[in-house]
Amino acid sequence: MTLQKNRPSGRSALWDDVEIGDAVHLRRGGRVELEGRVDNRTGDGAVVWVVSEGGRRQMFHVADGFELSVADPEGAGRADS
């Protein structure tokens, strides 16, 4: 089972409920462009840093046009369960 908190991007919406360590998907135009884990975020939720599976760390601002989804919190839905 996957829990998702959809966070529409734009100036009026912030990613203030995402937590460091959350597995996330960043979508733009309905397509997943990055999957990874939140490495850090600003206190106001305007900026998140995400580390991909390959170890690449990227910064995203809420106004960049991405939708941020928190998925698979605490490992729910992993094949090893």
Protein backbone atom coordinates (compact mmCIF):
# COMPACT_ATOMS: atom_id res chain seq x y z
CA MET A 1 0.00 0.00 0.00
CA THR A 2 1.29 3.45 -0.88
CA LEU A 3 0.34 6.64 0.92
CA GLN A 4 0.55 9.78 -1.17
CA LYS A 5 0.31 13.39 -0.12
CA ASN A 6 -0.09 15.36 -3.31
CA ARG A 7 1.43 18.80 -3.12
CA PRO A 8 0.51 20.96 -6.08
CA SER A 9 3.31 23.29 -7.01
CA GLY A 10 2.88 26.97 -7.47
CA ARG A 11 3.33 30.16 -5.52
CA SER A 12 0.35 29.53 -3.24
CA ALA A 13 1.25 25.94 -2.26
CA LEU A 14 4.22 24.81 -0.19
CA TRP A 15 5.75 21.43 0.50
CA ASP A 16 5.57 22.02 4.24
CA ASP A 17 4.42 18.55 5.24
CA VAL A 18 7.28 16.62 3.61
CA GLU A 19 9.78 15.19 6.09
CA ILE A 20 13.49 14.53 5.77
CA GLY A 21 13.86 10.88 4.75
CA ASP A 22 10.51 10.65 2.94
CA ALA A 23 10.51 8.74 -0.34
CA VAL A 24 9.17 11.13 -2.96
CA HIS A 25 8.23 11.44 -6.62
CA LEU A 26 8.58 14.72 -8.46
CA ARG A 27 6.24 15.02 -11.44
CA ARG A 28 5.92 17.63 -14.12
CA GLY A 29 3.41 17.46 -16.94
CA GLY A 30 1.99 14.26 -15.44
CA ARG A 31 5.32 12.43 -15.80
CA VAL A 32 7.62 11.31 -12.97
CA GLU A 33 10.93 13.09 -13.52
CA LEU A 34 12.67 12.08 -10.30
CA GLU A 35 12.29 9.54 -7.52
CA GLY A 36 14.37 9.77 -4.39
CA ARG A 37 14.48 10.66 -0.71
CA VAL A 38 14.22 14.09 0.85
CA ASP A 39 17.67 15.01 2.14
CA ASN A 40 16.73 18.41 3.51
CA ARG A 41 14.12 21.15 3.24
CA THR A 42 13.56 24.71 4.27
CA GLY A 43 11.37 25.36 7.28
CA ASP A 44 8.70 27.03 5.17
CA GLY A 45 8.50 24.14 2.68
CA ALA A 46 9.47 26.26 -0.32
CA VAL A 47 12.64 24.29 -1.13
CA VAL A 48 13.51 20.58 -0.88
CA TRP A 49 16.72 18.72 -1.65
CA VAL A 50 16.20 15.21 -3.02
CA VAL A 51 18.80 12.47 -3.40
CA SER A 52 18.08 9.97 -6.18
CA GLU A 53 18.88 6.25 -6.03
CA GLY A 54 22.12 6.96 -7.88
CA GLY A 55 23.20 9.42 -5.20
CA ARG A 56 22.62 12.62 -7.17
CA ARG A 57 21.38 15.46 -4.94
CA GLN A 58 19.11 18.09 -6.49
CA MET A 59 17.34 21.16 -5.16
CA PHE A 60 13.73 21.95 -6.09
CA HIS A 61 11.73 25.11 -5.40
CA VAL A 62 7.96 24.99 -5.12
CA ALA A 63 7.69 27.45 -8.05
CA ASP A 64 9.70 25.17 -10.40
CA GLY A 65 6.50 23.57 -11.71
CA PHE A 66 6.77 20.17 -10.03
CA GLU A 67 4.17 18.21 -8.11
CA LEU A 68 5.72 16.53 -5.09
CA SER A 69 4.21 13.23 -3.89
CA VAL A 70 5.30 11.42 -0.75
CA ALA A 71 5.16 7.71 -1.47
CA ASP A 72 6.01 4.53 0.38
CA PRO A 73 6.49 6.01 3.85
CA GLU A 74 8.32 3.68 6.24
CA GLY A 75 8.81 1.06 3.55
CA ALA A 76 5.16 0.11 3.02
CA GLY A 77 4.75 -1.85 -0.17
CA ARG A 78 8.30 -3.16 -0.46
CA ALA A 79 8.71 -6.55 -2.07
CA ASP A 80 10.52 -7.99 0.97
CA SER A 81 7.42 -7.83 3.22
